[in-house]
């Protein structure tokens, strides 16, 4: 637990958060597509 803050700081400041945002956006788009296909049937 001593390096938890350092790990979070390195993850958020090390250029990983844009990937997390990108993955989240892709998942939301995929979910919308699936829901649209279900509602069309």
PDB file of N, CA and C in Angstrom:
ATOM      1  N   UNK A   1       0.825  -1.214   0.000  1.00  0.00           N
ATOM      2  CA  UNK A   1       0.000   0.000   0.000  1.00  0.00           C
ATOM      3  C   UNK A   1       0.858   1.263   0.000  1.00  0.00           C
ATOM      4  N   UNK A   2       2.158   1.110   0.283  1.00  0.00           N
ATOM      5  CA  UNK A   2       3.026   2.282   0.372  1.00  0.00           C
ATOM      6  C   UNK A   2       3.176   2.971  -0.987  1.00  0.00           C
ATOM      7  N   UNK A   3       3.232   2.184  -2.051  1.00  0.00           N
ATOM      8  CA  UNK A   3       3.463   2.766  -3.380  1.00  0.00           C
ATOM      9  C   UNK A   3       2.164   2.862  -4.187  1.00  0.00           C
ATOM     10  N   UNK A   4       1.015   2.790  -3.509  1.00  0.00           N
ATOM     11  CA  UNK A   4      -0.268   2.869  -4.226  1.00  0.00           C
ATOM     12  C   UNK A   4      -0.435   4.233  -4.898  1.00  0.00           C
ATOM     13  N   UNK A   5      -0.103   5.292  -4.147  1.00  0.00           N
ATOM     14  CA  UNK A   5      -0.235   6.646  -4.685  1.00  0.00           C
ATOM     15  C   UNK A   5       0.734   6.853  -5.850  1.00  0.00           C
ATOM     16  N   UNK A   6       1.950   6.310  -5.727  1.00  0.00           N
ATOM     17  CA  UNK A   6       2.930   6.425  -6.798  1.00  0.00           C
ATOM     18  C   UNK A   6       2.510   5.639  -8.040  1.00  0.00           C
ATOM     19  N   UNK A   7       1.874   4.481  -7.808  1.00  0.00           N
ATOM     20  CA  UNK A   7       1.405   3.660  -8.933  1.00  0.00           C
ATOM     21  C   UNK A   7       0.288   4.376  -9.687  1.00  0.00           C
ATOM     22  N   UNK A   8      -0.655   4.942  -8.928  1.00  0.00           N
ATOM     23  CA  UNK A   8      -1.753   5.686  -9.558  1.00  0.00           C
ATOM     24  C   UNK A   8      -1.219   6.914 -10.292  1.00  0.00           C
ATOM     25  N   UNK A   9      -0.288   7.624  -9.671  1.00  0.00           N
ATOM     26  CA  UNK A   9       0.281   8.810 -10.295  1.00  0.00           C
ATOM     27  C   UNK A   9       1.021   8.452 -11.579  1.00  0.00           C
ATOM     28  N   UNK A  10       1.744   7.324 -11.564  1.00  0.00           N
ATOM     29  CA  UNK A  10       2.465   6.890 -12.756  1.00  0.00           C
ATOM     30  C   UNK A  10       1.517   6.434 -13.855  1.00  0.00           C
ATOM     31  N   UNK A  11       0.401   5.791 -13.450  1.00  0.00           N
ATOM     32  CA  UNK A  11      -0.566   5.292 -14.444  1.00  0.00           C
ATOM     33  C   UNK A  11      -1.303   6.451 -15.093  1.00  0.00           C
ATOM     34  N   UNK A  12      -1.744   7.409 -14.266  1.00  0.00           N
ATOM     35  CA  UNK A  12      -2.522   8.535 -14.787  1.00  0.00           C
ATOM     36  C   UNK A  12      -1.633   9.515 -15.555  1.00  0.00           C
ATOM     37  N   UNK A  13      -0.385   9.667 -15.114  1.00  0.00           N
ATOM     38  CA  UNK A  13       0.505  10.653 -15.728  1.00  0.00           C
ATOM     39  C   UNK A  13       1.428  10.051 -16.783  1.00  0.00           C
ATOM     40  N   UNK A  14       1.388   8.723 -16.954  1.00  0.00           N
ATOM     41  CA  UNK A  14       2.316   8.054 -17.855  1.00  0.00           C
ATOM     42  C   UNK A  14       1.761   7.823 -19.258  1.00  0.00           C
ATOM     43  N   UNK A  15       0.642   8.472 -19.581  1.00  0.00           N
ATOM     44  CA  UNK A  15       0.076   8.338 -20.918  1.00  0.00           C
ATOM     45  C   UNK A  15      -0.834   7.136 -21.062  1.00  0.00           C
ATOM     46  N   UNK A  16      -1.236   6.494 -19.960  1.00  0.00           N
ATOM     47  CA  UNK A  16      -2.155   5.349 -20.036  1.00  0.00           C
ATOM     48  C   UNK A  16      -3.605   5.784 -20.037  1.00  0.00           C
ATOM     49  N   UNK A  17      -3.915   6.933 -19.438  1.00  0.00           N
ATOM     50  CA  UNK A  17      -5.322   7.343 -19.348  1.00  0.00           C
ATOM     51  C   UNK A  17      -5.979   7.609 -20.703  1.00  0.00           C
ATOM     52  N   UNK A  18      -5.251   8.095 -21.734  1.00  0.00           N
ATOM     53  CA  UNK A  18      -5.920   8.222 -23.043  1.00  0.00           C
ATOM     54  C   UNK A  18      -6.387   6.872 -23.586  1.00  0.00           C
ATOM     55  N   UNK A  19      -5.630   5.805 -23.295  1.00  0.00           N
ATOM     56  CA  UNK A  19      -6.052   4.468 -23.717  1.00  0.00           C
ATOM     57  C   UNK A  19      -7.302   4.046 -22.970  1.00  0.00           C
ATOM     58  N   UNK A  20      -7.371   4.365 -21.670  1.00  0.00           N
ATOM     59  CA  UNK A  20      -8.555   4.034 -20.876  1.00  0.00           C
ATOM     60  C   UNK A  20      -9.778   4.770 -21.417  1.00  0.00           C
ATOM     61  N   UNK A  21      -9.605   6.032 -21.777  1.00  0.00           N
ATOM     62  CA  UNK A  21     -10.706   6.815 -22.353  1.00  0.00           C
ATOM     63  C   UNK A  21     -11.124   6.229 -23.694  1.00  0.00           C
ATOM     64  N   UNK A  22     -10.144   5.864 -24.530  1.00  0.00           N
ATOM     65  CA  UNK A  22     -10.429   5.301 -25.847  1.00  0.00           C
ATOM     66  C   UNK A  22     -11.199   3.996 -25.726  1.00  0.00           C
ATOM     67  N   UNK A  23     -10.764   3.121 -24.818  1.00  0.00           N
ATOM     68  CA  UNK A  23     -11.438   1.843 -24.610  1.00  0.00           C
ATOM     69  C   UNK A  23     -12.867   2.073 -24.124  1.00  0.00           C
ATOM     70  N   UNK A  24     -13.060   3.024 -23.215  1.00  0.00           N
ATOM     71  CA  UNK A  24     -14.402   3.328 -22.709  1.00  0.00           C
ATOM     72  C   UNK A  24     -15.315   3.804 -23.830  1.00  0.00           C
ATOM     73  N   UNK A  25     -14.807   4.708 -24.676  1.00  0.00           N
ATOM     74  CA  UNK A  25     -15.604   5.220 -25.797  1.00  0.00           C
ATOM     75  C   UNK A  25     -15.969   4.092 -26.751  1.00  0.00           C
ATOM     76  N   UNK A  26     -15.008   3.207 -27.059  1.00  0.00           N
ATOM     77  CA  UNK A  26     -15.277   2.089 -27.960  1.00  0.00           C
ATOM     78  C   UNK A  26     -16.333   1.158 -27.381  1.00  0.00           C
ATOM     79  N   UNK A  27     -16.277   0.897 -26.083  1.00  0.00           N
ATOM     80  CA  UNK A  27     -17.268   0.043 -25.438  1.00  0.00           C
ATOM     81  C   UNK A  27     -18.656   0.674 -25.494  1.00  0.00           C
ATOM     82  N   UNK A  28     -18.737   1.983 -25.286  1.00  0.00           N
ATOM     83  CA  UNK A  28     -20.029   2.678 -25.351  1.00  0.00           C
ATOM     84  C   UNK A  28     -20.602   2.608 -26.768  1.00  0.00           C
ATOM     85  N   UNK A  29     -19.757   2.845 -27.775  1.00  0.00           N
ATOM     86  CA  UNK A  29     -20.208   2.776 -29.173  1.00  0.00           C
ATOM     87  C   UNK A  29     -20.688   1.374 -29.500  1.00  0.00           C
ATOM     88  N   UNK A  30     -19.938   0.362 -29.073  1.00  0.00           N
ATOM     89  CA  UNK A  30     -20.319  -1.022 -29.322  1.00  0.00           C
ATOM     90  C   UNK A  30     -21.657  -1.339 -28.670  1.00  0.00           C
ATOM     91  N   UNK A  31     -21.855  -0.874 -27.443  1.00  0.00           N
ATOM     92  CA  UNK A  31     -23.112  -1.100 -26.733  1.00  0.00           C
ATOM     93  C   UNK A  31     -24.278  -0.447 -27.466  1.00  0.00           C
ATOM     94  N   UNK A  32     -24.081   0.771 -27.967  1.00  0.00           N
ATOM     95  CA  UNK A  32     -25.126   1.477 -28.716  1.00  0.00           C
ATOM     96  C   UNK A  32     -25.481   0.715 -29.986  1.00  0.00           C
ATOM     97  N   UNK A  33     -24.478   0.191 -30.698  1.00  0.00           N
ATOM     98  CA  UNK A  33     -24.717  -0.570 -31.928  1.00  0.00           C
ATOM     99  C   UNK A  33     -25.527  -1.826 -31.618  1.00  0.00           C
ATOM    100  N   UNK A  34     -25.156  -2.539 -30.562  1.00  0.00           N
ATOM    101  CA  UNK A  34     -25.874  -3.753 -30.183  1.00  0.00           C
ATOM    102  C   UNK A  34     -27.317  -3.444 -29.821  1.00  0.00           C
ATOM    103  N   UNK A  35     -27.532  -2.377 -29.066  1.00  0.00           N
ATOM    104  CA  UNK A  35     -28.890  -2.008 -28.671  1.00  0.00           C
ATOM    105  C   UNK A  35     -29.703  -1.592 -29.901  1.00  0.00           C
ATOM    106  N   UNK A  36     -29.089  -0.898 -30.839  1.00  0.00           N
ATOM    107  CA  UNK A  36     -29.802  -0.506 -32.058  1.00  0.00           C
ATOM    108  C   UNK A  36     -30.204  -1.723 -32.882  1.00  0.00           C
ATOM    109  N   UNK A  37     -29.316  -2.712 -32.987  1.00  0.00           N
ATOM    110  CA  UNK A  37     -29.640  -3.925 -33.737  1.00  0.00           C
ATOM    111  C   UNK A  37     -30.778  -4.695 -33.085  1.00  0.00           C
ATOM    112  N   UNK A  38     -30.779  -4.746 -31.745  1.00  0.00           N
ATOM    113  CA  UNK A  38     -31.852  -5.443 -31.021  1.00  0.00           C
ATOM    114  C   UNK A  38     -33.182  -4.736 -31.198  1.00  0.00           C
ATOM    115  N   UNK A  39     -33.173  -3.405 -31.167  1.00  0.00           N
ATOM    116  CA  UNK A  39     -34.426  -2.641 -31.254  1.00  0.00           C
ATOM    117  C   UNK A  39     -34.990  -2.666 -32.670  1.00  0.00           C
ATOM    118  N   UNK A  40     -34.134  -2.873 -33.664  1.00  0.00           N
ATOM    119  CA  UNK A  40     -34.599  -2.919 -35.052  1.00  0.00           C
ATOM    120  C   UNK A  40     -35.314  -4.224 -35.366  1.00  0.00           C
ATOM    121  N   UNK A  41     -34.927  -5.316 -34.665  1.00  0.00           N
ATOM    122  CA  UNK A  41     -35.557  -6.607 -34.951  1.00  0.00           C
ATOM    123  C   UNK A  41     -36.960  -6.669 -34.378  1.00  0.00           C
TER     124      UNK A  41
END
